[in-house]
Amino acid sequence: MKPPVLLAAVLLLPASVASAAAPLSHGPQPAGFEIPTAAGGMGAAVEVGAAVEVGAAAEIRAAEVEPVAAEPSWQWPLTPRPQVLRDFDPPSKPWLSGHRGVDLEAVSDGVQVTSPAAGTVSFVGVVVDRPVITIDHGNGLRSSFEPVESTLAAGSPVAAGQAIGTIVAGHCPASSCVHWGVRRGDDYVNPLQFVMDLRPSILLPLTP
């Protein structure tokens, strides 16, 4: 076939066939990237999209990591600093049994319990068979103490260190104690993280 005839044959090809033979853009492209063609080839563009998806998934996984313990900024609710008789041991499922707070040893029954942080009394009353007082500290945090009798009423503001009631017998069989629970929203969290530094230790490099 002579050259003029060949040129005419190319010009008479359907547009879809002609466009499939060449990229949509003729300019220089970044390394590792290929402009999609009309024939449907995505080339390296698929790889770039996959990289974006992987990065987004990594960010989501990082956001789902459970936050570390808070920096301690509250006061102990008993004086002197009490011994922890029973630690925080929440159940694996909300409906299972467990220990959703800590038991703190008191010198004797009748000692005062103080508010670990400023807040507002949100509940005072009897739950099942024991007196309970709950303090709303804001930011979704609430402290509950039992068995504690109080003369305060719901809505009363309290300052950090202010007496909120007295311990009565009945919780710990072998000694006087108070059960302290803390909730963040609807979830129980370890009260000790607010009075002790439970954050993981970080090793720093030695300096000369």
Protein backbone atom coordinates (compact mmCIF):
# COMPACT_ATOMS: atom_id res chain seq x y z
CA MET A 1 0.00 0.00 0.00
CA LYS A 2 1.40 3.37 -0.99
CA PRO A 3 1.90 6.04 1.74
CA PRO A 4 -0.99 8.32 0.60
CA VAL A 5 -3.37 5.36 0.71
CA LEU A 6 -2.14 4.40 4.20
CA LEU A 7 -2.69 7.96 5.46
CA ALA A 8 -6.22 7.95 4.09
CA ALA A 9 -6.98 4.65 5.81
CA VAL A 10 -5.85 6.06 9.16
CA LEU A 11 -7.98 9.14 8.73
CA LEU A 12 -11.05 6.98 7.98
CA LEU A 13 -10.73 4.93 11.21
CA PRO A 14 -13.58 5.40 13.78
CA ALA A 15 -12.82 7.97 16.44
CA SER A 16 -13.09 5.39 19.26
CA VAL A 17 -10.44 3.17 17.67
CA ALA A 18 -8.13 6.05 16.92
CA SER A 19 -8.39 7.46 20.46
CA ALA A 20 -7.65 4.06 22.02
CA ALA A 21 -4.31 4.05 20.34
CA ALA A 22 -3.12 7.24 22.05
CA PRO A 23 -3.32 8.78 25.55
CA LEU A 24 -5.72 11.61 26.19
CA SER A 25 -2.83 13.86 27.09
CA HIS A 26 0.47 14.13 25.26
CA GLY A 27 2.28 16.25 27.81
CA PRO A 28 4.96 14.90 30.17
CA GLN A 29 3.55 12.92 33.14
CA PRO A 30 4.99 12.36 36.61
CA ALA A 31 7.01 9.21 37.15
CA GLY A 32 4.83 6.26 38.06
CA PHE A 33 1.64 7.89 36.81
CA GLU A 34 -0.29 7.08 33.66
CA ILE A 35 -3.22 9.10 32.32
CA PRO A 36 -6.27 6.86 31.73
CA THR A 37 -6.99 6.12 28.07
CA ALA A 38 -10.33 6.04 26.32
CA ALA A 39 -9.98 2.27 26.08
CA GLY A 40 -10.45 2.11 29.86
CA GLY A 41 -6.83 1.46 30.91
CA MET A 42 -6.14 3.09 34.27
CA GLY A 43 -2.42 2.23 34.39
CA ALA A 44 -0.61 3.61 37.42
CA ALA A 45 -3.61 5.76 38.36
CA VAL A 46 -5.08 2.68 40.07
CA GLU A 47 -1.92 2.32 42.12
CA VAL A 48 -2.09 5.97 43.21
CA GLY A 49 -5.73 5.52 44.27
CA ALA A 50 -4.79 2.40 46.25
CA ALA A 51 -2.06 4.34 48.03
CA VAL A 52 -4.58 7.00 49.04
CA GLU A 53 -6.95 4.33 50.37
CA VAL A 54 -4.16 2.70 52.37
CA GLY A 55 -3.21 6.05 53.91
CA ALA A 56 -6.82 6.79 54.85
CA ALA A 57 -7.20 3.34 56.41
CA ALA A 58 -4.05 3.92 58.47
CA GLU A 59 -5.48 7.20 59.78
CA ILE A 60 -8.74 5.47 60.73
CA ARG A 61 -6.88 2.71 62.55
CA ALA A 62 -4.81 5.29 64.41
CA ALA A 63 -7.98 7.08 65.50
CA GLU A 64 -9.42 3.84 66.82
CA VAL A 65 -6.47 3.20 69.15
CA GLU A 66 -7.62 3.44 72.75
CA PRO A 67 -6.34 6.64 74.38
CA VAL A 68 -3.77 6.36 77.13
CA ALA A 69 -4.55 7.23 80.73
CA ALA A 70 -5.21 10.87 81.54
CA GLU A 71 -2.69 13.09 83.28
CA PRO A 72 -3.55 13.03 87.00
CA SER A 73 -5.14 16.30 88.13
CA TRP A 74 -7.64 15.26 90.83
CA GLN A 75 -7.33 14.79 94.59
CA TRP A 76 -7.72 11.58 96.56
CA PRO A 77 -11.23 11.44 98.07
CA LEU A 78 -9.87 10.23 101.43
CA THR A 79 -7.25 11.60 103.81
CA PRO A 80 -4.63 10.35 104.42
CA ARG A 81 -3.91 8.83 101.02
CA PRO A 82 -5.76 5.52 101.13
CA GLN A 83 -4.65 2.03 100.26
CA VAL A 84 -6.38 0.44 97.28
CA LEU A 85 -8.07 -2.70 98.59
CA ARG A 86 -9.54 -3.78 95.26
CA ASP A 87 -8.47 -2.52 91.87
CA PHE A 88 -10.43 -1.57 88.77
CA ASP A 89 -11.46 -4.74 86.93
CA PRO A 90 -14.24 -4.03 84.41
CA PRO A 91 -16.03 -6.92 82.70
CA SER A 92 -15.39 -7.80 79.05
CA LYS A 93 -19.11 -7.29 78.34
CA PRO A 94 -21.37 -4.64 79.95
CA TRP A 95 -23.82 -7.25 81.25
CA LEU A 96 -21.17 -9.41 82.97
CA SER A 97 -20.03 -9.08 86.58
CA GLY A 98 -16.84 -7.23 87.39
CA HIS A 99 -15.46 -4.39 89.48
CA ARG A 100 -16.31 -1.07 87.82
CA GLY A 101 -14.36 1.09 90.25
CA VAL A 102 -11.85 0.88 93.10
CA ASP A 103 -12.28 0.16 96.80
CA LEU A 104 -10.30 2.59 98.98
CA GLU A 105 -9.51 1.76 102.60
CA ALA A 106 -10.73 4.25 105.20
CA VAL A 107 -9.39 4.79 108.71
CA SER A 108 -12.83 3.98 110.11
CA ASP A 109 -16.52 4.22 109.35
CA GLY A 110 -17.84 7.75 109.62
CA VAL A 111 -14.83 9.44 108.03
CA GLN A 112 -15.48 12.16 105.48
CA VAL A 113 -15.32 11.63 101.74
CA THR A 114 -14.24 14.66 99.72
CA SER A 115 -14.87 15.53 96.09
CA PRO A 116 -11.81 14.70 93.98
CA ALA A 117 -12.54 17.62 91.64
CA ALA A 118 -14.94 20.51 91.35
CA GLY A 119 -18.40 19.72 90.08
CA THR A 120 -22.11 19.55 90.81
CA VAL A 121 -24.02 16.95 92.78
CA SER A 122 -26.16 15.06 90.27
CA PHE A 123 -27.57 12.32 92.52
CA VAL A 124 -28.04 11.60 96.20
CA GLY A 125 -30.06 8.60 97.30
CA VAL A 126 -30.19 4.89 97.93
CA VAL A 127 -29.35 2.37 95.20
CA VAL A 128 -30.51 -1.16 96.05
CA ASP A 129 -29.55 -1.10 99.74
CA ARG A 130 -26.74 1.46 100.05
CA PRO A 131 -26.49 5.27 100.00
CA VAL A 132 -24.79 6.76 96.95
CA ILE A 133 -23.69 10.23 95.93
CA THR A 134 -22.67 11.19 92.39
CA ILE A 135 -20.70 14.28 91.34
CA ASP A 136 -20.78 15.59 87.78
CA HIS A 137 -17.35 17.05 87.00
CA GLY A 138 -18.18 18.21 83.48
CA ASN A 139 -16.67 16.99 80.21
CA GLY A 140 -18.72 13.81 80.56
CA LEU A 141 -16.97 12.70 83.79
CA ARG A 142 -18.94 11.63 86.87
CA SER A 143 -17.74 10.24 90.21
CA SER A 144 -19.91 7.99 92.36
CA PHE A 145 -19.21 7.01 95.97
CA GLU A 146 -20.86 4.29 98.04
CA PRO A 147 -21.82 3.60 100.76
CA VAL A 148 -21.75 7.31 101.59
CA GLU A 149 -24.42 9.29 103.42
CA SER A 150 -24.69 12.95 102.46
CA THR A 151 -26.72 15.99 103.45
CA LEU A 152 -26.13 17.64 100.07
CA ALA A 153 -28.90 17.89 97.50
CA ALA A 154 -28.79 17.35 93.76
CA GLY A 155 -27.72 20.56 92.06
CA SER A 156 -25.36 21.63 94.84
CA PRO A 157 -21.99 22.88 93.56
CA VAL A 158 -18.90 21.40 95.21
CA ALA A 159 -15.26 22.40 95.16
CA ALA A 160 -12.29 20.09 94.90
CA GLY A 161 -11.51 18.78 98.38
CA GLN A 162 -14.92 19.71 99.79
CA ALA A 163 -16.57 17.17 102.11
CA ILE A 164 -19.52 15.51 100.38
CA GLY A 165 -20.54 12.86 102.94
CA THR A 166 -19.44 10.19 105.40
CA ILE A 167 -18.71 6.49 104.95
CA VAL A 168 -21.09 3.96 106.46
CA ALA A 169 -20.35 0.29 107.01
CA GLY A 170 -21.35 -2.41 104.60
CA HIS A 171 -19.14 -2.51 101.52
CA CYS A 172 -15.89 -4.19 102.55
CA PRO A 173 -16.33 -7.08 104.99
CA ALA A 174 -12.91 -6.87 106.66
CA SER A 175 -12.37 -3.10 106.91
CA SER A 176 -13.91 0.31 106.39
CA CYS A 177 -13.82 1.40 102.79
CA VAL A 178 -15.51 3.41 100.06
CA HIS A 179 -16.20 2.29 96.50
CA TRP A 180 -15.25 4.98 93.99
CA GLY A 181 -16.43 4.69 90.40
CA VAL A 182 -15.87 7.08 87.51
CA ARG A 183 -17.78 7.16 84.25
CA ARG A 184 -16.90 8.96 81.04
CA GLY A 185 -20.24 9.15 79.32
CA ASP A 186 -21.70 5.66 79.73
CA ASP A 187 -18.32 3.92 80.07
CA TYR A 188 -16.59 3.15 83.35
CA VAL A 189 -12.94 4.17 83.50
CA ASN A 190 -10.21 3.61 86.08
CA PRO A 191 -10.53 6.29 88.79
CA LEU A 192 -6.86 5.91 89.70
CA GLN A 193 -5.78 7.50 86.41
CA PHE A 194 -7.02 10.84 87.75
CA VAL A 195 -4.92 10.71 90.95
CA MET A 196 -1.94 8.59 89.85
CA ASP A 197 0.21 8.74 86.74
CA LEU A 198 -0.73 5.53 84.93
CA ARG A 199 0.66 6.64 81.58
CA PRO A 200 3.30 4.33 80.07
CA SER A 201 6.92 5.20 80.80
CA ILE A 202 9.04 6.56 77.95
CA LEU A 203 12.78 5.84 77.86
CA LEU A 204 14.80 8.92 76.91
CA PRO A 205 18.32 8.79 75.45
CA LEU A 206 21.20 9.29 77.85
CA THR A 207 22.77 12.75 77.71
CA PRO A 208 26.45 13.38 78.47
